[in-house]
Protein backbone atom coordinates (compact mmCIF):
# COMPACT_ATOMS: atom_id res chain seq x y z
CA MET A 1 -9.38 -137.86 -38.65
CA PRO A 2 -9.05 -136.56 -34.81
CA THR A 3 -6.37 -133.95 -33.93
CA PHE A 4 -4.31 -135.00 -30.88
CA GLN A 5 -6.31 -132.72 -28.49
CA GLN A 6 -9.45 -134.20 -29.84
CA ALA A 7 -8.48 -137.76 -28.79
CA LEU A 8 -7.68 -136.68 -25.88
CA ASP A 9 -10.84 -134.82 -25.36
CA ALA A 10 -12.89 -137.87 -26.98
CA ASP A 11 -16.23 -139.54 -25.61
CA PRO A 12 -16.05 -142.87 -27.00
CA SER A 13 -18.96 -144.17 -25.18
CA LYS A 14 -21.06 -142.12 -27.56
CA PHE A 15 -19.99 -145.14 -30.09
CA MET A 16 -21.87 -147.48 -27.73
CA THR A 17 -24.65 -145.02 -27.36
CA TYR A 18 -25.09 -144.90 -31.40
CA GLY A 19 -24.63 -148.76 -31.38
CA ALA A 20 -27.66 -149.12 -29.03
CA THR A 21 -29.56 -146.88 -31.33
CA LEU A 22 -29.20 -149.03 -34.36
CA ILE A 23 -30.00 -151.71 -32.65
CA GLN A 24 -33.09 -150.42 -31.75
CA SER A 25 -33.55 -149.34 -35.27
CA ALA A 26 -33.17 -152.75 -36.45
CA GLY A 27 -35.74 -153.94 -34.02
CA SER A 28 -38.35 -151.13 -35.42
CA VAL A 29 -37.32 -152.37 -38.90
CA THR A 30 -38.25 -156.08 -37.88
CA GLY A 31 -41.24 -154.80 -36.39
CA LEU A 32 -42.36 -153.19 -39.27
CA ALA A 33 -41.58 -156.06 -41.82
CA ALA A 34 -43.33 -158.27 -39.44
CA LYS A 35 -46.60 -156.03 -39.96
CA TYR A 36 -46.17 -155.55 -43.06
CA GLY A 37 -46.07 -159.46 -43.63
CA GLU A 38 -49.30 -159.90 -41.43
CA GLN A 39 -51.44 -157.36 -43.33
CA VAL A 40 -50.47 -158.66 -46.72
CA ALA A 41 -51.33 -162.38 -45.24
CA ASP A 42 -54.38 -160.80 -44.05
CA LEU A 43 -55.34 -159.41 -47.40
CA GLY A 44 -55.35 -163.37 -48.66
CA ALA A 45 -58.52 -163.71 -47.14
CA GLY A 46 -60.50 -161.49 -49.27
CA TRP A 47 -58.26 -160.86 -52.41
CA GLN A 48 -57.38 -163.67 -54.51
CA GLY A 49 -55.78 -163.54 -58.22
CA ASP A 50 -52.85 -162.26 -60.00
CA ASP A 51 -53.08 -158.75 -58.12
CA TYR A 52 -52.69 -160.67 -54.60
CA ASN A 53 -50.08 -162.91 -56.26
CA GLY A 54 -48.13 -159.91 -57.61
CA LEU A 55 -48.40 -158.28 -54.00
CA LEU A 56 -47.16 -161.71 -52.46
CA GLY A 57 -44.30 -161.18 -54.66
CA TRP A 58 -43.62 -157.80 -53.81
CA ALA A 59 -43.94 -159.02 -49.87
CA THR A 60 -41.29 -161.66 -50.54
CA GLN A 61 -38.95 -158.46 -51.91
CA VAL A 62 -39.78 -156.15 -48.80
CA GLY A 63 -38.98 -159.30 -46.66
CA ALA A 64 -35.63 -159.65 -48.01
CA PHE A 65 -34.79 -155.97 -48.31
CA THR A 66 -35.69 -155.41 -44.53
CA ALA A 67 -33.70 -158.48 -43.35
CA GLN A 68 -30.77 -157.10 -45.43
CA VAL A 69 -31.34 -153.80 -43.76
CA ASP A 70 -31.64 -155.63 -40.32
CA ALA A 71 -27.92 -157.47 -41.10
CA VAL A 72 -26.29 -154.27 -42.00
CA LEU A 73 -27.98 -152.28 -38.91
CA LEU A 74 -26.83 -155.07 -36.47
CA THR A 75 -23.22 -155.19 -37.86
CA ALA A 76 -22.95 -151.48 -37.71
CA ALA A 77 -24.35 -151.50 -34.12
CA ALA A 78 -21.76 -154.44 -32.53
CA THR A 79 -18.86 -152.67 -34.87
CA LEU A 80 -19.66 -149.17 -33.27
CA GLN A 81 -20.43 -150.99 -29.73
CA ALA A 82 -16.98 -153.12 -29.70
CA LEU A 83 -14.85 -149.88 -31.48
CA GLY A 84 -16.44 -147.64 -28.44
CA ALA A 85 -15.53 -149.92 -25.62
CA SER A 86 -11.97 -150.22 -27.10
CA MET A 87 -11.50 -146.59 -28.08
CA MET A 88 -12.54 -145.84 -24.34
CA ILE A 89 -9.56 -147.93 -23.03
CA ASN A 90 -7.02 -146.22 -25.72
CA VAL A 91 -8.25 -142.91 -24.67
CA GLN A 92 -7.79 -143.43 -21.21
CA THR A 93 -4.50 -144.88 -21.76
CA LEU A 94 -3.74 -141.69 -23.98
CA LYS A 95 -4.60 -139.40 -21.09
CA ILE A 96 -2.93 -141.37 -18.58
CA THR A 97 0.43 -141.42 -20.77
CA LYS A 98 0.23 -137.72 -21.23
CA GLN A 99 -0.20 -136.78 -17.38
CA SER A 100 2.62 -139.41 -16.19
CA ALA A 101 4.82 -137.59 -18.79
CA GLU A 102 3.68 -134.38 -17.44
CA GLY A 103 3.84 -135.48 -14.09
CA MET A 104 7.61 -136.14 -14.71
CA GLY A 105 8.16 -132.58 -15.99
CA TYR A 106 7.99 -133.21 -19.73
CA LYS A 107 5.92 -130.88 -21.79
CA VAL A 108 3.51 -132.19 -24.19
CA LEU A 109 3.36 -130.91 -27.50
CA PRO A 110 -0.12 -131.22 -29.73
CA THR A 111 1.47 -133.43 -32.36
CA PRO A 112 2.05 -135.60 -30.10
CA PHE A 113 5.71 -135.01 -29.40
CA VAL A 114 7.31 -134.95 -26.17
CA VAL A 115 10.22 -132.19 -25.01
CA LEU A 116 11.94 -131.61 -22.05
CA GLY A 117 10.06 -129.31 -19.74
CA PRO A 118 11.82 -126.09 -17.47
CA SER A 119 12.41 -128.25 -14.34
CA GLN A 120 14.12 -130.75 -16.36
CA TRP A 121 16.53 -128.34 -17.88
CA SER A 122 17.13 -126.75 -14.84
CA GLN A 123 18.34 -129.94 -13.53
CA VAL A 124 20.55 -130.51 -16.52
CA SER A 125 21.81 -126.99 -16.13
CA SER A 126 22.82 -128.00 -12.41
CA ALA A 127 24.13 -131.32 -13.04
CA GLY A 128 27.55 -130.25 -13.61
CA PRO A 129 30.05 -132.76 -15.62
CA GLY A 130 27.10 -134.94 -15.21
CA ALA A 131 24.67 -132.89 -17.34
CA PRO A 132 25.49 -135.05 -20.40
CA ALA A 133 23.98 -138.05 -18.68
CA VAL A 134 21.02 -136.58 -17.19
CA LEU A 135 20.12 -134.80 -20.50
CA ALA A 136 20.59 -138.31 -22.03
CA ALA A 137 18.50 -140.00 -19.84
CA TYR A 138 15.54 -137.41 -20.00
CA GLN A 139 15.99 -137.23 -23.57
CA ALA A 140 15.17 -141.25 -23.64
CA GLY A 141 12.60 -140.69 -21.42
CA ALA A 142 10.87 -138.00 -24.06
CA VAL A 143 11.62 -140.33 -26.73
CA ALA A 144 9.66 -143.27 -24.92
CA PHE A 145 6.60 -141.22 -24.15
CA THR A 146 6.66 -139.84 -28.10
CA THR A 147 6.95 -143.00 -29.18
CA ALA A 148 4.05 -144.45 -26.66
CA LEU A 149 1.59 -141.64 -27.28
CA THR A 150 2.18 -141.81 -31.14
CA ALA A 151 1.10 -145.35 -30.95
CA GLN A 152 -1.52 -144.68 -29.19
CA TYR A 153 -3.02 -141.63 -30.82
CA ALA A 154 -2.80 -143.81 -34.43
CA ALA A 155 -4.79 -146.69 -32.38
CA ILE A 156 -7.38 -144.39 -31.85
CA ILE A 157 -7.48 -143.04 -35.42
CA ALA A 158 -7.69 -146.36 -36.68
CA GLN A 159 -10.69 -147.10 -34.44
CA ASP A 160 -12.28 -144.00 -35.74
CA VAL A 161 -11.60 -144.32 -39.00
CA ALA A 162 -13.19 -148.13 -38.59
CA ALA A 163 -16.18 -146.62 -36.75
CA ASN A 164 -16.69 -143.97 -39.48
CA THR A 165 -16.52 -146.66 -42.06
CA ALA A 166 -19.32 -148.80 -40.02
CA ILE A 167 -21.71 -145.58 -40.06
CA ARG A 168 -21.20 -144.99 -43.93
CA ALA A 169 -21.84 -148.57 -44.68
CA ALA A 170 -25.10 -148.25 -42.18
CA ILE A 171 -26.12 -145.14 -44.15
CA ALA A 172 -25.10 -145.91 -47.68
CA LEU A 173 -27.63 -148.95 -47.59
């Protein structure tokens, strides 16, 4: 699970790159399976009997296994590419939200939690009788930014977990 700072620094395009690599790997497995099948078929011209029939049975199992590997690789690739694209949007949104909060004078803590910044405290202090209203408005803004950052961060964590699960499923096979 990434920290808030790691989520801000993330480069989700790598998930898309990994997905493309898995697609290439699936293509390689398909090519090897096809070549293996051709070689077994070619052996049939000069090899007959129980041994060759056993090899044909084994070739069928190899074909089924490689088809399963291809399916897992392609599923993991599609998941990684989709999550990478979606995560890129969420990381960018997280960065923009943080920058917006800081641009308004808030301080964003790494939990993520938004608190009033020095300039806002100065405005509250100089507001005289209106200080409680100014403070309440700034605190409401801090709560809104905290809520938005927390939701965006949670979405990135969920996507990271899903991507991790997809990678582990591909590796486990």
